[in-house]
N, C-alpha and C. Protein backbone atom coordinates (compact mmCIF):
# COMPACT_ATOMS: atom_id res chain seq x y z
N MET A 1 0.67 -1.03 0.36
CA MET A 1 0.46 0.07 0.04
C MET A 1 1.10 1.37 0.03
N GLU A 2 1.69 1.50 0.48
CA GLU A 2 2.62 2.49 1.09
C GLU A 2 3.19 2.38 -0.40
N GLU A 3 4.10 2.13 -1.06
CA GLU A 3 4.55 1.92 -2.07
C GLU A 3 3.83 2.30 -3.21
N GLU A 4 2.42 2.10 -3.33
CA GLU A 4 1.75 2.37 -4.33
C GLU A 4 1.34 3.51 -4.36
N LEU A 5 1.19 4.21 -2.64
CA LEU A 5 0.46 5.67 -2.70
C LEU A 5 1.90 6.45 -3.27
N ARG A 6 3.01 5.43 -2.97
CA ARG A 6 4.19 7.06 -3.11
C ARG A 6 4.42 6.61 -4.64
N ILE A 7 4.11 5.80 -5.36
CA ILE A 7 4.34 5.97 -6.72
C ILE A 7 2.58 6.29 -7.62
N ARG A 8 1.81 6.70 -7.08
CA ARG A 8 0.23 7.56 -7.50
C ARG A 8 0.87 8.91 -6.95
N LEU A 9 1.65 9.31 -6.16
CA LEU A 9 1.59 10.58 -5.90
C LEU A 9 3.73 11.32 -6.64
N ALA A 10 4.17 9.97 -6.75
CA ALA A 10 5.11 10.79 -7.68
C ALA A 10 4.90 11.11 -9.01
N SER A 11 3.73 10.77 -9.31
CA SER A 11 3.76 10.30 -10.54
C SER A 11 2.44 11.92 -10.66
N VAL A 12 1.29 12.02 -9.49
CA VAL A 12 0.77 13.25 -9.50
C VAL A 12 2.20 14.81 -9.83
N LEU A 13 3.27 14.95 -9.14
CA LEU A 13 3.74 15.27 -8.30
C LEU A 13 4.55 15.88 -10.36
N LEU A 14 5.21 14.89 -10.48
CA LEU A 14 5.76 15.17 -12.01
C LEU A 14 4.94 15.38 -13.35
N ARG A 15 3.35 14.81 -13.28
CA ARG A 15 2.69 16.03 -13.91
C ARG A 15 2.16 18.27 -14.05
N ILE A 16 2.27 17.92 -12.49
CA ILE A 16 2.23 19.49 -11.49
C ILE A 16 3.61 20.34 -12.25
N LEU A 17 4.82 19.30 -11.23
CA LEU A 17 5.81 20.58 -10.77
C LEU A 17 6.35 19.82 -11.19
N PRO A 18 6.91 20.24 -12.50
CA PRO A 18 7.93 20.30 -13.18
C PRO A 18 9.01 20.67 -13.31
N GLY A 19 10.39 19.58 -13.27
CA GLY A 19 11.59 20.36 -12.88
C GLY A 19 12.01 21.74 -13.45
N ASP A 20 12.77 22.30 -12.96
CA ASP A 20 12.69 23.54 -12.97
C ASP A 20 14.86 24.01 -12.86
N LYS A 21 15.37 23.94 -13.64
CA LYS A 21 17.28 24.05 -12.96
C LYS A 21 17.08 24.80 -12.29
N SER A 22 16.33 26.09 -13.22
CA SER A 22 16.70 28.09 -12.72
C SER A 22 16.20 28.56 -10.50
N ASP A 23 14.92 27.54 -10.63
CA ASP A 23 14.86 27.96 -9.01
C ASP A 23 14.29 25.81 -8.95
N LYS A 24 14.47 26.66 -7.95
CA LYS A 24 13.71 25.30 -6.34
C LYS A 24 12.19 25.59 -6.13
N ARG A 25 11.37 24.13 -6.80
CA ARG A 25 9.63 24.42 -6.92
C ARG A 25 9.15 23.73 -5.70
N VAL A 26 8.04 24.97 -4.35
CA VAL A 26 8.63 24.71 -2.63
C VAL A 26 7.25 23.77 -3.38
N VAL A 27 6.93 23.21 -2.24
CA VAL A 27 6.10 21.74 -1.74
C VAL A 27 5.69 22.20 -0.68
N LEU A 28 4.64 22.63 -0.26
CA LEU A 28 4.23 23.27 1.17
C LEU A 28 3.28 21.16 1.69
N VAL A 29 4.02 21.56 2.78
CA VAL A 29 3.69 19.89 3.82
C VAL A 29 2.51 20.16 5.18
N ASP A 30 1.15 19.72 4.96
CA ASP A 30 0.73 19.91 6.11
C ASP A 30 1.34 19.17 7.46
N MET A 31 0.84 19.82 9.01
CA MET A 31 1.33 18.66 9.91
C MET A 31 -0.02 17.50 10.69
N ASP A 32 -0.85 18.14 11.09
CA ASP A 32 -1.85 17.44 11.49
C ASP A 32 -2.77 17.33 10.55
N GLY A 33 -3.18 15.60 10.96
CA GLY A 33 -3.96 14.82 9.34
C GLY A 33 -2.81 14.71 8.58
N THR A 34 -2.10 14.98 8.59
CA THR A 34 -1.02 14.36 7.00
C THR A 34 0.15 14.25 7.65
N LEU A 35 0.97 14.69 7.75
CA LEU A 35 2.37 14.27 8.73
C LEU A 35 1.89 13.09 10.15
N CYS A 36 0.97 13.88 10.35
CA CYS A 36 0.70 12.72 11.94
C CYS A 36 -1.02 12.66 11.93
N ASP A 37 -1.35 12.06 12.21
CA ASP A 37 -2.98 11.75 12.67
C ASP A 37 -3.44 12.36 13.44
N GLY A 38 -4.87 13.11 13.15
CA GLY A 38 -5.10 13.72 14.30
C GLY A 38 -4.98 14.98 14.28
N GLU A 39 -5.41 16.06 15.33
CA GLU A 39 -5.19 17.36 15.04
C GLU A 39 -4.11 17.57 16.09
N SER A 40 -3.41 18.32 16.80
CA SER A 40 -2.75 18.98 18.05
C SER A 40 -2.85 20.38 18.36
N TRP A 41 -3.14 20.13 19.38
CA TRP A 41 -3.50 21.79 19.68
C TRP A 41 -2.99 22.54 20.76
N ASN A 42 -1.78 21.56 22.28
CA ASN A 42 -1.42 21.63 23.11
C ASN A 42 0.25 21.07 22.26
N VAL A 43 0.87 21.39 23.17
CA VAL A 43 2.30 20.99 23.90
C VAL A 43 1.95 19.70 23.44
N LEU A 44 1.94 18.99 24.85
CA LEU A 44 1.34 17.74 25.02
C LEU A 44 0.58 17.00 23.96
N GLN A 45 0.03 17.49 23.30
CA GLN A 45 -0.76 16.54 21.86
C GLN A 45 0.60 16.62 20.70
N MET A 46 1.18 17.46 20.54
CA MET A 46 1.84 17.46 19.97
C MET A 46 3.32 16.84 19.85
N HIS A 47 3.73 16.63 21.16
CA HIS A 47 4.62 15.22 21.29
C HIS A 47 4.01 13.95 21.13
N GLU A 48 2.58 13.87 21.83
CA GLU A 48 2.24 12.90 21.29
C GLU A 48 2.05 12.23 20.44
N ALA A 49 2.21 12.87 19.35
CA ALA A 49 1.41 13.15 17.66
C ALA A 49 1.35 11.39 17.21
N THR A 50 0.86 10.92 16.69
CA THR A 50 1.09 9.35 15.76
C THR A 50 1.87 9.97 14.57
N PRO A 51 3.35 9.59 14.43
CA PRO A 51 3.21 9.60 12.36
C PRO A 51 2.28 8.71 12.07
N ARG A 52 2.10 9.41 10.90
CA ARG A 52 2.07 8.76 9.03
C ARG A 52 3.06 8.32 8.37
N GLN A 53 3.76 7.57 8.24
CA GLN A 53 5.07 7.41 7.75
C GLN A 53 5.12 7.14 6.60
N GLU A 54 3.72 6.18 6.00
CA GLU A 54 3.80 6.29 4.50
C GLU A 54 4.28 7.48 3.53
N VAL A 55 3.10 8.54 4.23
CA VAL A 55 3.18 10.14 4.33
C VAL A 55 4.50 10.67 4.25
N ILE A 56 5.37 10.38 5.52
CA ILE A 56 6.52 10.71 5.70
C ILE A 56 7.53 10.38 4.68
N ASN A 57 7.66 9.57 4.54
CA ASN A 57 8.34 8.69 3.69
C ASN A 57 7.87 9.13 1.61
N ILE A 58 6.40 9.70 1.93
CA ILE A 58 6.59 10.08 0.29
C ILE A 58 7.35 11.86 0.68
N VAL A 59 7.59 12.66 1.70
CA VAL A 59 7.77 13.82 1.98
C VAL A 59 9.64 13.64 1.44
N ASN A 60 9.91 12.29 2.60
CA ASN A 60 11.60 12.45 1.98
C ASN A 60 12.15 12.25 1.01
N ASP A 61 11.54 11.61 -0.30
CA ASP A 61 11.58 11.39 -1.64
C ASP A 61 11.51 12.74 -2.57
N ILE A 62 10.20 13.51 -1.42
CA ILE A 62 10.46 14.59 -2.81
C ILE A 62 11.81 15.42 -2.12
N TYR A 63 11.77 15.91 -1.22
CA TYR A 63 12.96 16.31 -0.63
C TYR A 63 14.01 16.45 -1.37
N GLY A 64 15.07 15.09 -1.54
CA GLY A 64 15.98 14.02 -1.72
C GLY A 64 16.55 14.66 -3.62
N LYS A 65 15.06 15.25 -3.77
CA LYS A 65 14.84 15.90 -5.34
C LYS A 65 15.51 16.65 -5.37
N ARG A 66 16.75 17.33 -6.67
CA ARG A 66 17.55 18.19 -6.30
C ARG A 66 16.49 20.02 -6.28
N ASN A 67 15.47 19.86 -7.35
CA ASN A 67 14.87 21.03 -7.75
C ASN A 67 13.51 20.87 -6.10
N TYR A 68 13.69 20.57 -5.40
CA TYR A 68 12.50 21.21 -4.32
C TYR A 68 12.72 20.99 -3.03
N LYS A 69 12.27 22.52 -2.66
CA LYS A 69 11.96 22.46 -1.65
C LYS A 69 10.86 22.12 -0.30
N VAL A 70 10.96 21.18 0.42
CA VAL A 70 9.77 20.97 1.27
C VAL A 70 9.82 21.82 2.21
N VAL A 71 8.59 22.43 2.50
CA VAL A 71 7.92 23.41 3.55
C VAL A 71 6.84 22.56 4.04
N VAL A 72 7.26 23.03 5.74
CA VAL A 72 6.57 21.92 6.71
C VAL A 72 5.34 23.78 6.85
N TRP A 73 4.53 23.52 6.44
CA TRP A 73 3.34 24.48 6.61
C TRP A 73 2.27 23.97 7.72
N THR A 74 2.14 25.16 8.74
CA THR A 74 0.88 24.16 9.76
C THR A 74 0.33 25.89 10.77
N ALA A 75 -0.63 25.41 10.87
CA ALA A 75 -1.74 26.35 11.45
C ALA A 75 -1.30 26.26 13.56
N ARG A 76 0.05 25.41 13.12
CA ARG A 76 -0.47 24.97 14.83
C ARG A 76 0.03 26.48 16.21
N GLY A 77 1.02 27.17 15.57
CA GLY A 77 0.99 28.69 16.19
C GLY A 77 0.02 29.73 15.95
N ASN A 78 -0.98 29.35 14.94
CA ASN A 78 -2.47 30.24 15.35
C ASN A 78 -3.12 30.30 16.90
N VAL A 79 -2.80 28.72 18.06
CA VAL A 79 -3.19 29.33 19.20
C VAL A 79 -2.29 29.42 20.37
N ALA A 80 -1.08 29.67 19.68
CA ALA A 80 -0.06 30.43 20.82
C ALA A 80 -0.94 31.76 21.21
N LYS A 81 -0.97 32.21 22.62
CA LYS A 81 -1.38 33.80 22.81
C LYS A 81 0.02 34.81 24.06
N SER A 82 0.88 33.70 23.32
CA SER A 82 2.19 34.72 23.90
C SER A 82 2.85 34.61 22.86
N ARG A 83 4.47 35.07 22.78
CA ARG A 83 5.61 34.67 22.36
C ARG A 83 5.95 34.05 22.94
N LEU A 84 6.54 33.37 23.76
CA LEU A 84 7.03 32.31 24.38
C LEU A 84 6.46 31.33 24.41
N GLU A 85 4.45 31.67 24.15
CA GLU A 85 3.60 29.75 23.85
C GLU A 85 4.23 29.45 22.40
N PHE A 86 3.97 30.43 21.25
CA PHE A 86 4.62 30.58 19.69
C PHE A 86 5.99 30.11 19.55
N GLU A 87 6.86 30.15 20.53
CA GLU A 87 7.90 29.55 20.63
C GLU A 87 8.13 28.79 20.95
N MET A 88 7.56 27.51 22.19
CA MET A 88 7.31 26.43 22.63
C MET A 88 6.62 25.70 21.12
N ILE A 89 5.53 25.99 20.95
CA ILE A 89 4.76 25.26 20.01
C ILE A 89 5.15 24.74 18.71
N TYR A 90 6.89 26.07 17.88
CA TYR A 90 7.55 25.98 16.70
C TYR A 90 8.44 25.23 17.53
N TRP A 91 9.21 24.69 18.71
CA TRP A 91 10.12 23.81 18.74
C TRP A 91 10.32 22.86 19.39
N THR A 92 8.38 22.65 19.34
CA THR A 92 8.05 21.55 19.46
C THR A 92 8.07 20.20 18.63
N THR A 93 8.01 21.76 17.78
CA THR A 93 6.47 21.15 16.43
C THR A 93 8.25 20.46 15.34
N TYR A 94 9.43 21.06 15.27
CA TYR A 94 10.58 21.23 15.45
C TYR A 94 11.09 19.77 15.53
N TRP A 95 11.32 19.56 16.68
CA TRP A 95 11.82 18.15 17.83
C TRP A 95 10.65 17.10 17.39
N TRP A 96 9.76 16.87 17.04
CA TRP A 96 8.50 15.55 16.91
C TRP A 96 9.02 15.34 15.40
N LEU A 97 9.19 17.06 14.07
CA LEU A 97 9.73 15.74 12.94
C LEU A 97 10.91 15.86 13.32
N LYS A 98 12.27 16.04 13.42
CA LYS A 98 13.20 15.53 13.66
C LYS A 98 13.02 14.22 14.14
N LYS A 99 12.58 13.33 15.64
CA LYS A 99 12.40 12.75 15.97
C LYS A 99 11.87 11.82 15.01
N ASN A 100 11.11 11.85 14.06
CA ASN A 100 9.99 10.95 13.55
C ASN A 100 11.19 10.91 11.82
N GLY A 101 11.75 11.98 11.79
CA GLY A 101 12.81 11.68 10.36
C GLY A 101 12.40 12.18 9.12
N VAL A 102 11.16 13.31 9.48
CA VAL A 102 10.49 13.76 8.45
C VAL A 102 11.88 15.12 8.16
N ARG A 103 12.47 14.22 6.23
CA ARG A 103 13.21 15.82 5.90
C ARG A 103 12.36 17.23 5.66
N PHE A 104 13.12 18.23 5.84
CA PHE A 104 12.61 19.45 5.84
C PHE A 104 13.62 20.87 5.64
N HIS A 105 12.85 21.42 4.60
CA HIS A 105 14.58 23.16 4.31
C HIS A 105 13.17 23.96 5.45
N GLU A 106 12.55 24.07 5.89
CA GLU A 106 11.94 25.22 6.78
C GLU A 106 10.79 24.35 7.42
N LEU A 107 10.33 25.20 8.82
CA LEU A 107 8.69 24.79 8.99
C LEU A 107 8.36 26.36 9.30
N ASP A 108 7.07 26.57 9.11
CA ASP A 108 6.03 27.50 9.81
C ASP A 108 5.54 27.16 9.83
N ILE A 109 5.23 27.65 11.09
CA ILE A 109 3.86 27.96 11.77
C ILE A 109 2.91 28.87 11.93
N THR A 110 2.85 29.27 10.81
CA THR A 110 1.95 30.78 10.56
C THR A 110 0.60 30.62 9.66
N LYS A 111 0.83 29.62 9.20
CA LYS A 111 -0.54 28.91 8.40
C LYS A 111 -1.77 29.17 8.86
N ARG A 112 -2.89 29.91 7.51
CA ARG A 112 -3.98 31.14 8.97
C ARG A 112 -4.88 29.18 8.85
N GLY A 113 -6.34 28.94 9.23
CA GLY A 113 -6.76 28.52 9.20
C GLY A 113 -8.13 28.35 7.79
N TYR A 114 -8.78 27.50 7.79
CA TYR A 114 -9.39 27.26 7.07
C TYR A 114 -10.48 25.84 6.95
N THR A 115 -11.06 26.53 6.30
CA THR A 115 -12.27 25.07 6.23
C THR A 115 -12.36 24.38 4.64
N PHE A 116 -11.80 25.04 4.28
CA PHE A 116 -11.64 24.16 2.46
C PHE A 116 -10.71 24.65 1.91
N GLN A 117 -10.21 24.51 1.24
CA GLN A 117 -9.06 25.05 0.30
C GLN A 117 -9.34 24.91 -1.49
N ILE A 118 -9.41 26.43 -2.18
CA ILE A 118 -9.59 25.53 -3.26
C ILE A 118 -8.08 26.58 -4.37
N ASP A 119 -7.29 25.71 -4.75
CA ASP A 119 -6.27 25.92 -5.44
C ASP A 119 -5.42 24.66 -6.75
N ASP A 120 -5.48 25.36 -7.70
CA ASP A 120 -4.93 25.09 -8.59
C ASP A 120 -3.91 24.27 -8.98
N LYS A 121 -3.22 24.00 -7.22
CA LYS A 121 -1.87 23.54 -7.43
C LYS A 121 -2.08 22.77 -5.71
N THR A 122 -3.27 22.23 -5.47
CA THR A 122 -3.25 21.92 -4.17
C THR A 122 -3.16 19.84 -3.94
N VAL A 123 -2.46 19.43 -4.15
CA VAL A 123 -2.56 17.30 -3.76
C VAL A 123 -3.21 17.37 -2.78
N ASN A 124 -4.18 16.35 -3.05
CA ASN A 124 -4.75 16.36 -1.24
C ASN A 124 -4.98 14.30 -1.92
N LEU A 125 -3.60 13.94 -0.59
CA LEU A 125 -4.03 12.98 -0.59
C LEU A 125 -4.73 11.71 -0.50
N THR A 126 -5.80 12.08 0.06
CA THR A 126 -7.10 11.57 -0.31
C THR A 126 -7.64 11.21 -1.76
N HIS A 127 -7.30 12.17 -2.83
CA HIS A 127 -7.15 11.72 -3.78
C HIS A 127 -6.38 11.36 -4.42
N LEU A 128 -5.45 10.54 -4.26
CA LEU A 128 -4.32 9.53 -4.87
C LEU A 128 -4.85 7.78 -4.78
């Protein structure tokens, strides 16, 4: 199942993200419900989040491609009520990614929350 998912995602990415040697293509990857199961809105939940290894493997494959930049983009920072809490959320998320072997170039925890996204460049794992 994991290998089949990886092949299908690679096929989709090759069609929508053609390699361009002049610059890196940015791939945004969500945390909750994508890299890990469920949602994590406090530090304890973030520590205990269950990794989705099949998705992590796909992200790591993308990371290994020369012309791709992987940005983990999450709304976790939106729950912070202070700068200290924001920093705790950032570093807890960073720690979780490293602990679970997720390869990425950048972490951004300021994604705006939304109900759904309409975009011509979106790849939803449930449609692969």
